[in-house]
């Protein structure tokens, strides 16, 4: 059986998706780009990294599945937390 996968490559990260769009793997090709930049991610950056919609992320926040801080109305996530969530 041959699996159909898609890839998203951004900032030294390769995200592998199955045909249903679920993340099935992460490869860090350039860890310096990931870990040398700011330790915090915005809601939009976290969603892009995880390959999920903002409404899905807000549901995870509401259900207590992801730790966050707020800067006014904006959510901020530690990169380590988003990587943990992706695993």
PDB file of N, CA and C in Angstrom:
ATOM      1  N   UNK A   1       0.842  -1.176   0.000  1.00  0.00           N
ATOM      2  CA  UNK A   1       0.000   0.000   0.000  1.00  0.00           C
ATOM      3  C   UNK A   1       0.886   1.238   0.000  1.00  0.00           C
ATOM      4  N   UNK A   2       0.646   2.145  -0.898  1.00  0.00           N
ATOM      5  CA  UNK A   2       1.419   3.367  -1.006  1.00  0.00           C
ATOM      6  C   UNK A   2       0.666   4.501  -0.330  1.00  0.00           C
ATOM      7  N   UNK A   3       1.351   5.196   0.596  1.00  0.00           N
ATOM      8  CA  UNK A   3       0.738   6.321   1.298  1.00  0.00           C
ATOM      9  C   UNK A   3       0.988   7.606   0.538  1.00  0.00           C
ATOM     10  N   UNK A   4       0.001   8.451   0.494  1.00  0.00           N
ATOM     11  CA  UNK A   4       0.169   9.755  -0.127  1.00  0.00           C
ATOM     12  C   UNK A   4       0.432  10.771   0.975  1.00  0.00           C
ATOM     13  N   UNK A   5       1.567  11.433   0.885  1.00  0.00           N
ATOM     14  CA  UNK A   5       1.972  12.409   1.887  1.00  0.00           C
ATOM     15  C   UNK A   5       2.146  13.771   1.242  1.00  0.00           C
ATOM     16  N   UNK A   6       1.960  14.799   2.035  1.00  0.00           N
ATOM     17  CA  UNK A   6       2.301  16.131   1.570  1.00  0.00           C
ATOM     18  C   UNK A   6       3.269  16.740   2.568  1.00  0.00           C
ATOM     19  N   UNK A   7       4.062  17.679   2.117  1.00  0.00           N
ATOM     20  CA  UNK A   7       5.075  18.310   2.951  1.00  0.00           C
ATOM     21  C   UNK A   7       4.887  19.807   2.974  1.00  0.00           C
ATOM     22  N   UNK A   8       5.212  20.394   4.092  1.00  0.00           N
ATOM     23  CA  UNK A   8       5.257  21.840   4.234  1.00  0.00           C
ATOM     24  C   UNK A   8       6.636  22.177   4.776  1.00  0.00           C
ATOM     25  N   UNK A   9       7.374  23.018   4.070  1.00  0.00           N
ATOM     26  CA  UNK A   9       8.730  23.359   4.487  1.00  0.00           C
ATOM     27  C   UNK A   9       8.791  24.854   4.768  1.00  0.00           C
ATOM     28  N   UNK A  10       9.162  25.206   6.016  1.00  0.00           N
ATOM     29  CA  UNK A  10       9.252  26.611   6.394  1.00  0.00           C
ATOM     30  C   UNK A  10      10.228  26.757   7.551  1.00  0.00           C
ATOM     31  N   UNK A  11      11.106  27.719   7.462  1.00  0.00           N
ATOM     32  CA  UNK A  11      12.041  28.054   8.536  1.00  0.00           C
ATOM     33  C   UNK A  11      12.767  26.846   9.108  1.00  0.00           C
ATOM     34  N   UNK A  12      13.237  25.968   8.239  1.00  0.00           N
ATOM     35  CA  UNK A  12      14.012  24.834   8.694  1.00  0.00           C
ATOM     36  C   UNK A  12      13.192  23.698   9.271  1.00  0.00           C
ATOM     37  N   UNK A  13      11.880  23.706   9.057  1.00  0.00           N
ATOM     38  CA  UNK A  13      11.002  22.654   9.577  1.00  0.00           C
ATOM     39  C   UNK A  13      10.274  22.002   8.402  1.00  0.00           C
ATOM     40  N   UNK A  14      10.263  20.689   8.384  1.00  0.00           N
ATOM     41  CA  UNK A  14       9.471  19.951   7.403  1.00  0.00           C
ATOM     42  C   UNK A  14       8.344  19.273   8.173  1.00  0.00           C
ATOM     43  N   UNK A  15       7.108  19.580   7.790  1.00  0.00           N
ATOM     44  CA  UNK A  15       5.946  18.964   8.412  1.00  0.00           C
ATOM     45  C   UNK A  15       5.357  17.993   7.402  1.00  0.00           C
ATOM     46  N   UNK A  16       5.193  16.735   7.809  1.00  0.00           N
ATOM     47  CA  UNK A  16       4.628  15.715   6.936  1.00  0.00           C
ATOM     48  C   UNK A  16       3.173  15.461   7.325  1.00  0.00           C
ATOM     49  N   UNK A  17       2.293  15.446   6.316  1.00  0.00           N
ATOM     50  CA  UNK A  17       0.862  15.237   6.521  1.00  0.00           C
ATOM     51  C   UNK A  17       0.418  13.970   5.786  1.00  0.00           C
ATOM     52  N   UNK A  18      -0.568  13.257   6.358  1.00  0.00           N
ATOM     53  CA  UNK A  18      -1.169  12.148   5.620  1.00  0.00           C
ATOM     54  C   UNK A  18      -2.248  12.700   4.697  1.00  0.00           C
ATOM     55  N   UNK A  19      -2.908  11.827   3.944  1.00  0.00           N
ATOM     56  CA  UNK A  19      -3.883  12.318   2.967  1.00  0.00           C
ATOM     57  C   UNK A  19      -5.112  12.950   3.606  1.00  0.00           C
ATOM     58  N   UNK A  20      -5.342  12.701   4.899  1.00  0.00           N
ATOM     59  CA  UNK A  20      -6.446  13.352   5.613  1.00  0.00           C
ATOM     60  C   UNK A  20      -6.060  14.717   6.163  1.00  0.00           C
ATOM     61  N   UNK A  21      -4.784  15.078   6.015  1.00  0.00           N
ATOM     62  CA  UNK A  21      -4.317  16.375   6.491  1.00  0.00           C
ATOM     63  C   UNK A  21      -3.792  16.372   7.918  1.00  0.00           C
ATOM     64  N   UNK A  22      -3.681  15.196   8.527  1.00  0.00           N
ATOM     65  CA  UNK A  22      -3.152  15.099   9.885  1.00  0.00           C
ATOM     66  C   UNK A  22      -1.630  15.113   9.854  1.00  0.00           C
ATOM     67  N   UNK A  23      -1.014  15.764  10.836  1.00  0.00           N
ATOM     68  CA  UNK A  23       0.443  15.789  10.931  1.00  0.00           C
ATOM     69  C   UNK A  23       0.907  14.409  11.374  1.00  0.00           C
ATOM     70  N   UNK A  24       1.830  13.841  10.609  1.00  0.00           N
ATOM     71  CA  UNK A  24       2.350  12.523  10.959  1.00  0.00           C
ATOM     72  C   UNK A  24       3.846  12.555  11.236  1.00  0.00           C
ATOM     73  N   UNK A  25       4.483  13.701  11.048  1.00  0.00           N
ATOM     74  CA  UNK A  25       5.903  13.788  11.348  1.00  0.00           C
ATOM     75  C   UNK A  25       6.444  15.193  11.218  1.00  0.00           C
ATOM     76  N   UNK A  26       7.475  15.473  12.000  1.00  0.00           N
ATOM     77  CA  UNK A  26       8.178  16.750  11.952  1.00  0.00           C
ATOM     78  C   UNK A  26       9.666  16.473  11.799  1.00  0.00           C
ATOM     79  N   UNK A  27      10.317  17.198  10.934  1.00  0.00           N
ATOM     80  CA  UNK A  27      11.758  17.114  10.779  1.00  0.00           C
ATOM     81  C   UNK A  27      12.313  18.521  10.912  1.00  0.00           C
ATOM     82  N   UNK A  28      13.276  18.675  11.799  1.00  0.00           N
ATOM     83  CA  UNK A  28      13.932  19.975  11.952  1.00  0.00           C
ATOM     84  C   UNK A  28      15.227  19.902  11.170  1.00  0.00           C
ATOM     85  N   UNK A  29      15.290  20.649  10.070  1.00  0.00           N
ATOM     86  CA  UNK A  29      16.464  20.596   9.208  1.00  0.00           C
ATOM     87  C   UNK A  29      17.482  21.675   9.554  1.00  0.00           C
ATOM     88  N   UNK A  30      17.030  22.749  10.145  1.00  0.00           N
ATOM     89  CA  UNK A  30      17.918  23.833  10.550  1.00  0.00           C
ATOM     90  C   UNK A  30      17.461  24.322  11.913  1.00  0.00           C
ATOM     91  N   UNK A  31      17.950  23.678  12.955  1.00  0.00           N
ATOM     92  CA  UNK A  31      17.491  24.002  14.305  1.00  0.00           C
ATOM     93  C   UNK A  31      17.853  25.426  14.714  1.00  0.00           C
ATOM     94  N   UNK A  32      18.870  25.994  14.121  1.00  0.00           N
ATOM     95  CA  UNK A  32      19.244  27.376  14.470  1.00  0.00           C
ATOM     96  C   UNK A  32      18.117  28.346  14.140  1.00  0.00           C
ATOM     97  N   UNK A  33      17.441  28.154  13.013  1.00  0.00           N
ATOM     98  CA  UNK A  33      16.339  29.043  12.655  1.00  0.00           C
ATOM     99  C   UNK A  33      15.188  28.922  13.638  1.00  0.00           C
ATOM    100  N   UNK A  34      14.945  27.709  14.109  1.00  0.00           N
ATOM    101  CA  UNK A  34      13.830  27.496  15.025  1.00  0.00           C
ATOM    102  C   UNK A  34      14.139  28.026  16.418  1.00  0.00           C
ATOM    103  N   UNK A  35      15.300  27.712  16.952  1.00  0.00           N
ATOM    104  CA  UNK A  35      15.575  28.007  18.348  1.00  0.00           C
ATOM    105  C   UNK A  35      16.280  29.329  18.599  1.00  0.00           C
ATOM    106  N   UNK A  36      16.828  29.963  17.602  1.00  0.00           N
ATOM    107  CA  UNK A  36      17.509  31.238  17.814  1.00  0.00           C
ATOM    108  C   UNK A  36      16.562  32.425  17.721  1.00  0.00           C
ATOM    109  N   UNK A  37      15.412  32.245  17.130  1.00  0.00           N
ATOM    110  CA  UNK A  37      14.458  33.345  17.055  1.00  0.00           C
ATOM    111  C   UNK A  37      13.693  33.434  18.374  1.00  0.00           C
ATOM    112  N   UNK A  38      12.740  34.308  18.440  1.00  0.00           N
ATOM    113  CA  UNK A  38      11.965  34.527  19.658  1.00  0.00           C
ATOM    114  C   UNK A  38      11.415  33.219  20.208  1.00  0.00           C
ATOM    115  N   UNK A  39      11.344  33.134  21.535  1.00  0.00           N
ATOM    116  CA  UNK A  39      10.840  31.932  22.199  1.00  0.00           C
ATOM    117  C   UNK A  39       9.323  31.839  22.114  1.00  0.00           C
ATOM    118  N   UNK A  40       8.653  32.928  21.754  1.00  0.00           N
ATOM    119  CA  UNK A  40       7.195  32.939  21.713  1.00  0.00           C
ATOM    120  C   UNK A  40       6.664  32.932  20.290  1.00  0.00           C
ATOM    121  N   UNK A  41       5.510  32.295  20.123  1.00  0.00           N
ATOM    122  CA  UNK A  41       4.834  32.244  18.824  1.00  0.00           C
ATOM    123  C   UNK A  41       3.457  32.870  18.971  1.00  0.00           C
ATOM    124  N   UNK A  42       3.002  33.518  17.924  1.00  0.00           N
ATOM    125  CA  UNK A  42       1.638  34.038  17.901  1.00  0.00           C
ATOM    126  C   UNK A  42       0.671  32.901  17.598  1.00  0.00           C
ATOM    127  N   UNK A  43      -0.604  33.177  17.719  1.00  0.00           N
ATOM    128  CA  UNK A  43      -1.628  32.187  17.380  1.00  0.00           C
ATOM    129  C   UNK A  43      -1.479  31.755  15.922  1.00  0.00           C
ATOM    130  N   UNK A  44      -1.275  32.714  15.035  1.00  0.00           N
ATOM    131  CA  UNK A  44      -1.159  32.411  13.614  1.00  0.00           C
ATOM    132  C   UNK A  44       0.092  31.575  13.326  1.00  0.00           C
ATOM    133  N   UNK A  45       1.214  31.907  13.960  1.00  0.00           N
ATOM    134  CA  UNK A  45       2.446  31.139  13.754  1.00  0.00           C
ATOM    135  C   UNK A  45       2.301  29.713  14.275  1.00  0.00           C
ATOM    136  N   UNK A  46       1.686  29.564  15.437  1.00  0.00           N
ATOM    137  CA  UNK A  46       1.489  28.233  16.018  1.00  0.00           C
ATOM    138  C   UNK A  46       0.579  27.390  15.137  1.00  0.00           C
ATOM    139  N   UNK A  47      -0.489  27.997  14.620  1.00  0.00           N
ATOM    140  CA  UNK A  47      -1.416  27.267  13.742  1.00  0.00           C
ATOM    141  C   UNK A  47      -0.725  26.845  12.452  1.00  0.00           C
ATOM    142  N   UNK A  48       0.074  27.733  11.880  1.00  0.00           N
ATOM    143  CA  UNK A  48       0.803  27.402  10.652  1.00  0.00           C
ATOM    144  C   UNK A  48       1.794  26.271  10.910  1.00  0.00           C
ATOM    145  N   UNK A  49       2.474  26.316  12.032  1.00  0.00           N
ATOM    146  CA  UNK A  49       3.441  25.282  12.387  1.00  0.00           C
ATOM    147  C   UNK A  49       2.750  23.935  12.552  1.00  0.00           C
ATOM    148  N   UNK A  50       1.596  23.935  13.220  1.00  0.00           N
ATOM    149  CA  UNK A  50       0.869  22.691  13.480  1.00  0.00           C
ATOM    150  C   UNK A  50       0.012  22.239  12.298  1.00  0.00           C
ATOM    151  N   UNK A  51      -0.238  23.159  11.364  1.00  0.00           N
ATOM    152  CA  UNK A  51      -1.089  22.824  10.226  1.00  0.00           C
ATOM    153  C   UNK A  51      -2.547  22.691  10.610  1.00  0.00           C
ATOM    154  N   UNK A  52      -2.985  23.542  11.554  1.00  0.00           N
ATOM    155  CA  UNK A  52      -4.379  23.506  12.002  1.00  0.00           C
ATOM    156  C   UNK A  52      -4.987  24.898  11.864  1.00  0.00           C
ATOM    157  N   UNK A  53      -6.305  24.970  11.933  1.00  0.00           N
ATOM    158  CA  UNK A  53      -6.991  26.257  11.833  1.00  0.00           C
ATOM    159  C   UNK A  53      -6.967  26.973  13.182  1.00  0.00           C
ATOM    160  N   UNK A  54      -7.240  28.264  13.153  1.00  0.00           N
ATOM    161  CA  UNK A  54      -7.307  29.039  14.390  1.00  0.00           C
ATOM    162  C   UNK A  54      -8.438  28.546  15.279  1.00  0.00           C
ATOM    163  N   UNK A  55      -9.555  28.145  14.693  1.00  0.00           N
ATOM    164  CA  UNK A  55     -10.673  27.661  15.510  1.00  0.00           C
ATOM    165  C   UNK A  55     -10.303  26.354  16.220  1.00  0.00           C
ATOM    166  N   UNK A  56      -9.528  25.496  15.561  1.00  0.00           N
ATOM    167  CA  UNK A  56      -9.065  24.263  16.204  1.00  0.00           C
ATOM    168  C   UNK A  56      -8.131  24.591  17.364  1.00  0.00           C
ATOM    169  N   UNK A  57      -7.237  25.544  17.164  1.00  0.00           N
ATOM    170  CA  UNK A  57      -6.309  25.942  18.227  1.00  0.00           C
ATOM    171  C   UNK A  57      -7.069  26.568  19.394  1.00  0.00           C
ATOM    172  N   UNK A  58      -8.053  27.409  19.091  1.00  0.00           N
ATOM    173  CA  UNK A  58      -8.847  28.015  20.164  1.00  0.00           C
ATOM    174  C   UNK A  58      -9.599  26.946  20.954  1.00  0.00           C
ATOM    175  N   UNK A  59     -10.042  25.896  20.281  1.00  0.00           N
ATOM    176  CA  UNK A  59     -10.706  24.783  20.971  1.00  0.00           C
ATOM    177  C   UNK A  59      -9.715  24.068  21.890  1.00  0.00           C
ATOM    178  N   UNK A  60      -8.470  23.871  21.424  1.00  0.00           N
ATOM    179  CA  UNK A  60      -7.441  23.242  22.254  1.00  0.00           C
ATOM    180  C   UNK A  60      -7.135  24.113  23.478  1.00  0.00           C
ATOM    181  N   UNK A  61      -7.129  25.433  23.288  1.00  0.00           N
ATOM    182  CA  UNK A  61      -6.908  26.359  24.403  1.00  0.00           C
ATOM    183  C   UNK A  61      -8.048  26.223  25.410  1.00  0.00           C
ATOM    184  N   UNK A  62      -9.268  26.276  24.915  1.00  0.00           N
ATOM    185  CA  UNK A  62     -10.457  26.190  25.767  1.00  0.00           C
ATOM    186  C   UNK A  62     -10.503  24.870  26.542  1.00  0.00           C
ATOM    187  N   UNK A  63     -10.064  23.779  25.901  1.00  0.00           N
ATOM    188  CA  UNK A  63     -10.077  22.460  26.532  1.00  0.00           C
ATOM    189  C   UNK A  63      -8.870  22.224  27.438  1.00  0.00           C
ATOM    190  N   UNK A  64      -7.968  23.214  27.528  1.00  0.00           N
ATOM    191  CA  UNK A  64      -6.802  23.093  28.401  1.00  0.00           C
ATOM    192  C   UNK A  64      -5.710  22.195  27.862  1.00  0.00           C
ATOM    193  N   UNK A  65      -5.666  21.976  26.555  1.00  0.00           N
ATOM    194  CA  UNK A  65      -4.678  21.076  25.950  1.00  0.00           C
ATOM    195  C   UNK A  65      -3.377  21.780  25.584  1.00  0.00           C
ATOM    196  N   UNK A  66      -3.365  23.104  25.668  1.00  0.00           N
ATOM    197  CA  UNK A  66      -2.153  23.854  25.327  1.00  0.00           C
ATOM    198  C   UNK A  66      -2.004  25.019  26.305  1.00  0.00           C
ATOM    199  N   UNK A  67      -0.754  25.225  26.755  1.00  0.00           N
ATOM    200  CA  UNK A  67      -0.462  26.330  27.667  1.00  0.00           C
ATOM    201  C   UNK A  67      -0.200  27.584  26.840  1.00  0.00           C
ATOM    202  N   UNK A  68      -0.598  28.726  27.377  1.00  0.00           N
ATOM    203  CA  UNK A  68      -0.447  29.992  26.660  1.00  0.00           C
ATOM    204  C   UNK A  68      -0.360  31.146  27.642  1.00  0.00           C
ATOM    205  N   UNK A  69       0.027  32.290  27.122  1.00  0.00           N
ATOM    206  CA  UNK A  69      -0.074  33.552  27.849  1.00  0.00           C
ATOM    207  C   UNK A  69      -0.846  34.500  26.948  1.00  0.00           C
ATOM    208  N   UNK A  70      -1.308  35.580  27.523  1.00  0.00           N
ATOM    209  CA  UNK A  70      -2.024  36.566  26.710  1.00  0.00           C
ATOM    210  C   UNK A  70      -1.321  37.909  26.808  1.00  0.00           C
ATOM    211  N   UNK A  71      -1.224  38.559  25.680  1.00  0.00           N
ATOM    212  CA  UNK A  71      -0.674  39.907  25.580  1.00  0.00           C
ATOM    213  C   UNK A  71      -1.826  40.773  25.094  1.00  0.00           C
ATOM    214  N   UNK A  72      -2.604  41.298  26.029  1.00  0.00           N
ATOM    215  CA  UNK A  72      -3.837  41.986  25.655  1.00  0.00           C
ATOM    216  C   UNK A  72      -4.831  40.951  25.177  1.00  0.00           C
ATOM    217  N   UNK A  73      -5.263  41.064  23.936  1.00  0.00           N
ATOM    218  CA  UNK A  73      -6.190  40.085  23.356  1.00  0.00           C
ATOM    219  C   UNK A  73      -5.476  38.961  22.611  1.00  0.00           C
ATOM    220  N   UNK A  74      -4.161  39.098  22.437  1.00  0.00           N
ATOM    221  CA  UNK A  74      -3.396  38.150  21.619  1.00  0.00           C
ATOM    222  C   UNK A  74      -2.827  37.016  22.452  1.00  0.00           C
ATOM    223  N   UNK A  75      -2.923  35.790  21.914  1.00  0.00           N
ATOM    224  CA  UNK A  75      -2.339  34.616  22.541  1.00  0.00           C
ATOM    225  C   UNK A  75      -0.870  34.522  22.173  1.00  0.00           C
ATOM    226  N   UNK A  76      -0.057  34.037  23.105  1.00  0.00           N
ATOM    227  CA  UNK A  76       1.356  33.753  22.862  1.00  0.00           C
ATOM    228  C   UNK A  76       1.637  32.356  23.402  1.00  0.00           C
ATOM    229  N   UNK A  77       2.437  31.593  22.639  1.00  0.00           N
ATOM    230  CA  UNK A  77       2.761  30.224  23.001  1.00  0.00           C
ATOM    231  C   UNK A  77       4.263  30.048  22.997  1.00  0.00           C
ATOM    232  N   UNK A  78       4.790  29.310  23.969  1.00  0.00           N
ATOM    233  CA  UNK A  78       6.204  28.968  23.950  1.00  0.00           C
ATOM    234  C   UNK A  78       6.417  27.936  22.845  1.00  0.00           C
ATOM    235  N   UNK A  79       7.516  28.083  22.115  1.00  0.00           N
ATOM    236  CA  UNK A  79       7.812  27.152  21.027  1.00  0.00           C
ATOM    237  C   UNK A  79       7.885  25.715  21.529  1.00  0.00           C
ATOM    238  N   UNK A  80       8.469  25.524  22.706  1.00  0.00           N
ATOM    239  CA  UNK A  80       8.573  24.170  23.260  1.00  0.00           C
ATOM    240  C   UNK A  80       7.192  23.561  23.475  1.00  0.00           C
ATOM    241  N   UNK A  81       6.217  24.363  23.872  1.00  0.00           N
ATOM    242  CA  UNK A  81       4.858  23.871  24.084  1.00  0.00           C
ATOM    243  C   UNK A  81       4.211  23.464  22.758  1.00  0.00           C
ATOM    244  N   UNK A  82       4.438  24.242  21.721  1.00  0.00           N
ATOM    245  CA  UNK A  82       3.864  23.929  20.409  1.00  0.00           C
ATOM    246  C   UNK A  82       4.525  22.673  19.826  1.00  0.00           C
ATOM    247  N   UNK A  83       5.820  22.543  20.008  1.00  0.00           N
ATOM    248  CA  UNK A  83       6.510  21.329  19.552  1.00  0.00           C
ATOM    249  C   UNK A  83       5.991  20.122  20.320  1.00  0.00           C
ATOM    250  N   UNK A  84       5.762  20.257  21.625  1.00  0.00           N
ATOM    251  CA  UNK A  84       5.200  19.171  22.431  1.00  0.00           C
ATOM    252  C   UNK A  84       3.817  18.794  21.919  1.00  0.00           C
ATOM    253  N   UNK A  85       3.024  19.782  21.586  1.00  0.00           N
ATOM    254  CA  UNK A  85       1.673  19.535  21.094  1.00  0.00           C
ATOM    255  C   UNK A  85       1.703  18.803  19.760  1.00  0.00           C
ATOM    256  N   UNK A  86       2.711  19.092  18.930  1.00  0.00           N
ATOM    257  CA  UNK A  86       2.824  18.468  17.617  1.00  0.00           C
ATOM    258  C   UNK A  86       3.250  17.007  17.693  1.00  0.00           C
ATOM    259  N   UNK A  87       3.935  16.667  18.778  1.00  0.00           N
ATOM    260  CA  UNK A  87       4.470  15.290  18.901  1.00  0.00           C
ATOM    261  C   UNK A  87       3.407  14.259  19.149  1.00  0.00           C
TER     262      UNK A  87
END
